[in-house]
Amino acid sequence: MTRLHRIPVAVGLAAAVALAGDSALSTAATTRTITVKDDVFTPKKATVAKNTRITWRWASDSGAHDVVSRGTKRFKSSAIKSSGVHRYRFSKAGTYKYVCTLHEDQGMTGQIVVR
């Protein structure tokens, strides 16, 4: 391969690496975590872009909780559990409200706004 042929290959490889880095950043931006602990969802409200995956993560000492959607915009709920995660990808714009049915009367509520 002559020197002239090597330059376009090197430029192409650099562009491919740069694009891979950009897609890794955009993938990270489409995931959010909500902590379930002490009868509170943290954060209580999250605003995200369409196709963001929300992960509710039970803290090690969180006790029994669930995630149940409320209102006209609904999503699939989790089972009652005291550890692990529940995930849901929000593909449609809107406001999604949810609660822990065991602690709703104590204010354990949350909201996802999808734009």
N, C-alpha and C. Protein backbone atom coordinates (compact mmCIF):
# COMPACT_ATOMS: atom_id res chain seq x y z
N MET A 1 0.85 -1.17 0.00
CA MET A 1 0.00 0.00 0.00
C MET A 1 0.90 1.23 0.00
N THR A 2 0.61 2.16 -0.87
CA THR A 2 1.41 3.39 -0.93
C THR A 2 0.98 4.33 0.17
N ARG A 3 1.82 5.33 0.38
CA ARG A 3 1.53 6.31 1.43
C ARG A 3 0.22 7.02 1.17
N LEU A 4 -0.13 7.33 -0.07
CA LEU A 4 -1.36 8.02 -0.41
C LEU A 4 -2.59 7.19 -0.06
N HIS A 5 -2.48 5.88 -0.16
CA HIS A 5 -3.61 5.01 0.17
C HIS A 5 -3.82 4.88 1.68
N ARG A 6 -2.76 5.04 2.46
CA ARG A 6 -2.86 4.90 3.91
C ARG A 6 -3.59 6.07 4.56
N ILE A 7 -3.48 7.25 4.04
CA ILE A 7 -4.09 8.43 4.64
C ILE A 7 -5.61 8.31 4.68
N PRO A 8 -6.30 7.96 3.57
CA PRO A 8 -7.77 7.83 3.67
C PRO A 8 -8.20 6.74 4.65
N VAL A 9 -7.44 5.65 4.74
CA VAL A 9 -7.78 4.58 5.68
C VAL A 9 -7.67 5.10 7.11
N ALA A 10 -6.61 5.82 7.42
CA ALA A 10 -6.43 6.36 8.76
C ALA A 10 -7.53 7.36 9.10
N VAL A 11 -7.90 8.20 8.15
CA VAL A 11 -8.98 9.17 8.39
C VAL A 11 -10.30 8.44 8.61
N GLY A 12 -10.55 7.39 7.83
CA GLY A 12 -11.77 6.61 8.00
C GLY A 12 -11.84 5.93 9.35
N LEU A 13 -10.72 5.39 9.82
CA LEU A 13 -10.69 4.75 11.14
C LEU A 13 -10.92 5.77 12.25
N ALA A 14 -10.33 6.94 12.13
CA ALA A 14 -10.54 7.98 13.14
C ALA A 14 -11.99 8.40 13.19
N ALA A 15 -12.63 8.52 12.03
CA ALA A 15 -14.05 8.89 11.98
C ALA A 15 -14.91 7.80 12.61
N ALA A 16 -14.59 6.54 12.36
CA ALA A 16 -15.37 5.43 12.93
C ALA A 16 -15.25 5.42 14.45
N VAL A 17 -14.04 5.67 14.98
CA VAL A 17 -13.85 5.71 16.42
C VAL A 17 -14.63 6.88 17.02
N ALA A 18 -14.60 8.03 16.37
CA ALA A 18 -15.34 9.20 16.87
C ALA A 18 -16.83 8.93 16.89
N LEU A 19 -17.35 8.30 15.85
CA LEU A 19 -18.79 7.99 15.80
C LEU A 19 -19.16 6.99 16.88
N ALA A 20 -18.33 6.00 17.12
CA ALA A 20 -18.61 5.01 18.16
C ALA A 20 -18.66 5.69 19.52
N GLY A 21 -17.79 6.65 19.75
CA GLY A 21 -17.80 7.39 21.01
C GLY A 21 -19.08 8.17 21.16
N ASP A 22 -19.56 8.82 20.10
CA ASP A 22 -20.80 9.59 20.15
C ASP A 22 -21.98 8.69 20.46
N SER A 23 -22.05 7.51 19.84
CA SER A 23 -23.20 6.62 20.10
C SER A 23 -23.15 6.09 21.52
N ALA A 24 -21.96 5.89 22.07
CA ALA A 24 -21.88 5.44 23.46
C ALA A 24 -22.40 6.52 24.40
N LEU A 25 -22.10 7.78 24.09
CA LEU A 25 -22.60 8.87 24.91
C LEU A 25 -24.11 8.98 24.82
N SER A 26 -24.66 8.86 23.61
CA SER A 26 -26.10 8.99 23.46
C SER A 26 -26.83 7.82 24.12
N THR A 27 -26.23 6.63 24.13
CA THR A 27 -26.84 5.50 24.81
C THR A 27 -26.89 5.75 26.31
N ALA A 28 -25.82 6.28 26.86
CA ALA A 28 -25.80 6.55 28.29
C ALA A 28 -26.84 7.61 28.66
N ALA A 29 -27.10 8.53 27.77
CA ALA A 29 -28.05 9.60 28.05
C ALA A 29 -29.49 9.10 28.02
N THR A 30 -29.74 7.90 27.51
CA THR A 30 -31.11 7.40 27.41
C THR A 30 -31.46 6.43 28.54
N THR A 31 -30.70 6.47 29.61
CA THR A 31 -30.97 5.63 30.77
C THR A 31 -30.96 6.49 32.02
N ARG A 32 -31.97 6.34 32.85
CA ARG A 32 -32.05 7.07 34.13
C ARG A 32 -32.36 6.07 35.23
N THR A 33 -31.87 6.33 36.42
CA THR A 33 -32.13 5.46 37.57
C THR A 33 -32.88 6.23 38.64
N ILE A 34 -33.88 5.57 39.19
CA ILE A 34 -34.64 6.10 40.32
C ILE A 34 -34.44 5.13 41.48
N THR A 35 -34.02 5.65 42.61
CA THR A 35 -33.77 4.82 43.78
C THR A 35 -35.06 4.65 44.58
N VAL A 36 -35.30 3.43 45.02
CA VAL A 36 -36.46 3.10 45.85
C VAL A 36 -35.92 2.78 47.25
N LYS A 37 -36.20 3.70 48.21
CA LYS A 37 -35.65 3.51 49.55
C LYS A 37 -36.40 4.39 50.54
N ASP A 38 -36.61 3.88 51.72
CA ASP A 38 -37.19 4.65 52.83
C ASP A 38 -38.52 5.30 52.45
N ASP A 39 -39.38 4.59 51.76
CA ASP A 39 -40.70 5.07 51.37
C ASP A 39 -40.64 6.33 50.49
N VAL A 40 -39.57 6.44 49.68
CA VAL A 40 -39.39 7.59 48.79
C VAL A 40 -38.80 7.11 47.47
N PHE A 41 -39.27 7.70 46.36
CA PHE A 41 -38.63 7.53 45.07
C PHE A 41 -37.69 8.72 44.89
N THR A 42 -36.43 8.48 44.56
CA THR A 42 -35.46 9.56 44.38
C THR A 42 -34.79 9.44 43.03
N PRO A 43 -34.96 10.41 42.13
CA PRO A 43 -35.74 11.63 42.30
C PRO A 43 -37.23 11.34 42.21
N LYS A 44 -38.01 12.24 42.75
CA LYS A 44 -39.47 12.10 42.76
C LYS A 44 -40.04 12.41 41.37
N LYS A 45 -39.39 13.32 40.63
CA LYS A 45 -39.82 13.68 39.28
C LYS A 45 -38.62 13.67 38.35
N ALA A 46 -38.80 13.08 37.17
CA ALA A 46 -37.74 13.05 36.17
C ALA A 46 -38.32 13.46 34.82
N THR A 47 -37.60 14.30 34.10
CA THR A 47 -37.98 14.69 32.74
C THR A 47 -36.96 14.08 31.81
N VAL A 48 -37.45 13.31 30.82
CA VAL A 48 -36.56 12.56 29.93
C VAL A 48 -37.03 12.68 28.48
N ALA A 49 -36.16 12.29 27.57
CA ALA A 49 -36.50 12.24 26.15
C ALA A 49 -37.22 10.93 25.84
N LYS A 50 -37.96 10.91 24.74
CA LYS A 50 -38.59 9.66 24.31
C LYS A 50 -37.54 8.57 24.16
N ASN A 51 -37.94 7.34 24.41
CA ASN A 51 -37.10 6.14 24.33
C ASN A 51 -36.07 6.03 25.45
N THR A 52 -36.25 6.80 26.51
CA THR A 52 -35.39 6.67 27.68
C THR A 52 -35.85 5.47 28.49
N ARG A 53 -34.90 4.69 28.96
CA ARG A 53 -35.21 3.56 29.84
C ARG A 53 -35.01 4.01 31.28
N ILE A 54 -36.07 3.89 32.07
CA ILE A 54 -35.99 4.20 33.50
C ILE A 54 -35.77 2.89 34.24
N THR A 55 -34.81 2.91 35.16
CA THR A 55 -34.56 1.77 36.03
C THR A 55 -34.85 2.19 37.46
N TRP A 56 -35.84 1.55 38.07
CA TRP A 56 -36.09 1.74 39.50
C TRP A 56 -35.22 0.72 40.21
N ARG A 57 -34.35 1.18 41.09
CA ARG A 57 -33.42 0.30 41.79
C ARG A 57 -33.71 0.33 43.29
N TRP A 58 -34.03 -0.85 43.84
CA TRP A 58 -34.30 -0.98 45.27
C TRP A 58 -32.97 -0.94 46.00
N ALA A 59 -32.85 -0.04 46.97
CA ALA A 59 -31.66 0.02 47.82
C ALA A 59 -31.66 -1.20 48.72
N SER A 60 -30.50 -1.56 49.21
CA SER A 60 -30.37 -2.81 49.96
C SER A 60 -31.25 -2.88 51.20
N ASP A 61 -31.58 -1.75 51.78
CA ASP A 61 -32.41 -1.77 52.99
C ASP A 61 -33.75 -1.06 52.77
N SER A 62 -34.28 -1.18 51.55
CA SER A 62 -35.46 -0.38 51.20
C SER A 62 -36.79 -0.95 51.70
N GLY A 63 -36.84 -2.20 52.07
CA GLY A 63 -38.12 -2.80 52.45
C GLY A 63 -38.95 -3.15 51.22
N ALA A 64 -40.18 -3.57 51.43
CA ALA A 64 -41.04 -3.99 50.32
C ALA A 64 -41.72 -2.79 49.67
N HIS A 65 -41.63 -2.72 48.34
CA HIS A 65 -42.24 -1.65 47.55
C HIS A 65 -42.63 -2.21 46.18
N ASP A 66 -43.48 -1.45 45.48
CA ASP A 66 -43.77 -1.74 44.08
C ASP A 66 -43.81 -0.42 43.32
N VAL A 67 -43.93 -0.49 42.02
CA VAL A 67 -44.06 0.68 41.15
C VAL A 67 -45.31 0.43 40.31
N VAL A 68 -46.35 1.24 40.54
CA VAL A 68 -47.63 1.05 39.87
C VAL A 68 -48.04 2.36 39.20
N SER A 69 -48.29 2.31 37.89
CA SER A 69 -48.67 3.53 37.18
C SER A 69 -50.10 3.94 37.54
N ARG A 70 -50.35 5.25 37.46
CA ARG A 70 -51.66 5.83 37.75
C ARG A 70 -52.01 6.82 36.65
N GLY A 71 -53.29 7.11 36.49
CA GLY A 71 -53.71 8.11 35.52
C GLY A 71 -53.99 7.54 34.15
N THR A 72 -54.10 8.43 33.17
CA THR A 72 -54.45 8.00 31.82
C THR A 72 -53.26 7.46 31.04
N LYS A 73 -52.06 7.95 31.32
CA LYS A 73 -50.85 7.40 30.70
C LYS A 73 -50.33 6.31 31.62
N ARG A 74 -50.30 5.09 31.13
CA ARG A 74 -49.93 3.96 31.98
C ARG A 74 -48.72 3.23 31.44
N PHE A 75 -48.02 2.54 32.33
CA PHE A 75 -46.93 1.65 31.95
C PHE A 75 -47.02 0.41 32.82
N LYS A 76 -46.33 -0.64 32.42
CA LYS A 76 -46.38 -1.90 33.15
C LYS A 76 -45.72 -1.76 34.51
N SER A 77 -46.36 -2.29 35.51
CA SER A 77 -45.93 -2.15 36.89
C SER A 77 -45.01 -3.29 37.32
N SER A 78 -44.31 -3.06 38.43
CA SER A 78 -43.47 -4.10 39.02
C SER A 78 -44.27 -4.87 40.06
N ALA A 79 -43.75 -6.01 40.43
CA ALA A 79 -44.31 -6.77 41.55
C ALA A 79 -43.79 -6.17 42.84
N ILE A 80 -44.45 -6.47 43.95
CA ILE A 80 -43.94 -6.02 45.25
C ILE A 80 -42.65 -6.80 45.53
N LYS A 81 -41.58 -6.06 45.87
CA LYS A 81 -40.31 -6.71 46.17
C LYS A 81 -39.48 -5.80 47.06
N SER A 82 -38.42 -6.35 47.63
CA SER A 82 -37.56 -5.57 48.53
C SER A 82 -36.14 -5.43 48.00
N SER A 83 -35.86 -5.98 46.82
CA SER A 83 -34.53 -5.83 46.22
C SER A 83 -34.66 -5.99 44.71
N GLY A 84 -33.59 -5.62 44.01
CA GLY A 84 -33.57 -5.79 42.56
C GLY A 84 -33.92 -4.50 41.83
N VAL A 85 -34.38 -4.67 40.59
CA VAL A 85 -34.70 -3.52 39.74
C VAL A 85 -35.99 -3.78 38.97
N HIS A 86 -36.57 -2.69 38.49
CA HIS A 86 -37.70 -2.74 37.56
C HIS A 86 -37.34 -1.75 36.46
N ARG A 87 -37.49 -2.17 35.20
CA ARG A 87 -37.13 -1.30 34.07
C ARG A 87 -38.32 -1.12 33.14
N TYR A 88 -38.37 0.08 32.56
CA TYR A 88 -39.39 0.37 31.55
C TYR A 88 -38.86 1.44 30.61
N ARG A 89 -39.04 1.23 29.30
CA ARG A 89 -38.64 2.20 28.29
C ARG A 89 -39.86 3.04 27.92
N PHE A 90 -39.75 4.35 28.04
CA PHE A 90 -40.84 5.27 27.74
C PHE A 90 -40.71 5.74 26.29
N SER A 91 -41.57 5.22 25.42
CA SER A 91 -41.46 5.51 23.98
C SER A 91 -42.43 6.59 23.50
N LYS A 92 -43.36 7.00 24.34
CA LYS A 92 -44.34 8.01 23.94
C LYS A 92 -44.29 9.20 24.87
N ALA A 93 -44.43 10.39 24.28
CA ALA A 93 -44.42 11.62 25.08
C ALA A 93 -45.64 11.66 26.00
N GLY A 94 -45.47 12.29 27.14
CA GLY A 94 -46.58 12.44 28.09
C GLY A 94 -46.08 12.50 29.51
N THR A 95 -47.02 12.60 30.43
CA THR A 95 -46.71 12.62 31.85
C THR A 95 -47.22 11.32 32.46
N TYR A 96 -46.33 10.59 33.08
CA TYR A 96 -46.63 9.29 33.67
C TYR A 96 -46.48 9.40 35.18
N LYS A 97 -47.57 9.16 35.90
CA LYS A 97 -47.54 9.19 37.35
C LYS A 97 -47.50 7.75 37.87
N TYR A 98 -46.81 7.55 39.00
CA TYR A 98 -46.73 6.22 39.58
C TYR A 98 -46.65 6.32 41.10
N VAL A 99 -46.93 5.21 41.75
CA VAL A 99 -46.94 5.15 43.21
C VAL A 99 -46.39 3.81 43.67
N CYS A 100 -46.07 3.75 44.95
CA CYS A 100 -45.90 2.47 45.63
C CYS A 100 -47.23 2.24 46.33
N THR A 101 -47.93 1.18 45.97
CA THR A 101 -49.27 0.96 46.53
C THR A 101 -49.24 0.71 48.03
N LEU A 102 -48.10 0.27 48.55
CA LEU A 102 -48.00 0.02 49.99
C LEU A 102 -47.81 1.30 50.79
N HIS A 103 -47.31 2.36 50.14
CA HIS A 103 -46.97 3.59 50.87
C HIS A 103 -47.49 4.85 50.18
N GLU A 104 -48.47 4.69 49.33
CA GLU A 104 -49.03 5.84 48.61
C GLU A 104 -49.59 6.88 49.59
N ASP A 105 -50.26 6.40 50.65
CA ASP A 105 -50.84 7.33 51.64
C ASP A 105 -49.77 8.07 52.45
N GLN A 106 -48.52 7.61 52.36
CA GLN A 106 -47.39 8.28 53.02
C GLN A 106 -46.62 9.17 52.04
N GLY A 107 -47.17 9.32 50.83
CA GLY A 107 -46.56 10.22 49.85
C GLY A 107 -45.53 9.58 48.95
N MET A 108 -45.49 8.25 48.88
CA MET A 108 -44.53 7.60 48.00
C MET A 108 -45.08 7.58 46.59
N THR A 109 -44.87 8.69 45.90
CA THR A 109 -45.36 8.90 44.53
C THR A 109 -44.21 9.42 43.68
N GLY A 110 -44.38 9.29 42.37
CA GLY A 110 -43.38 9.80 41.44
C GLY A 110 -44.00 10.18 40.12
N GLN A 111 -43.20 10.82 39.29
CA GLN A 111 -43.70 11.27 38.00
C GLN A 111 -42.55 11.27 36.99
N ILE A 112 -42.86 10.77 35.78
CA ILE A 112 -41.94 10.82 34.65
C ILE A 112 -42.56 11.67 33.58
N VAL A 113 -41.88 12.71 33.12
CA VAL A 113 -42.34 13.54 32.02
C VAL A 113 -41.48 13.19 30.82
N VAL A 114 -42.13 12.71 29.76
CA VAL A 114 -41.41 12.29 28.55
C VAL A 114 -41.67 13.32 27.46
N ARG A 115 -40.60 13.87 26.90
CA ARG A 115 -40.71 14.89 25.85
C ARG A 115 -40.27 14.38 24.52
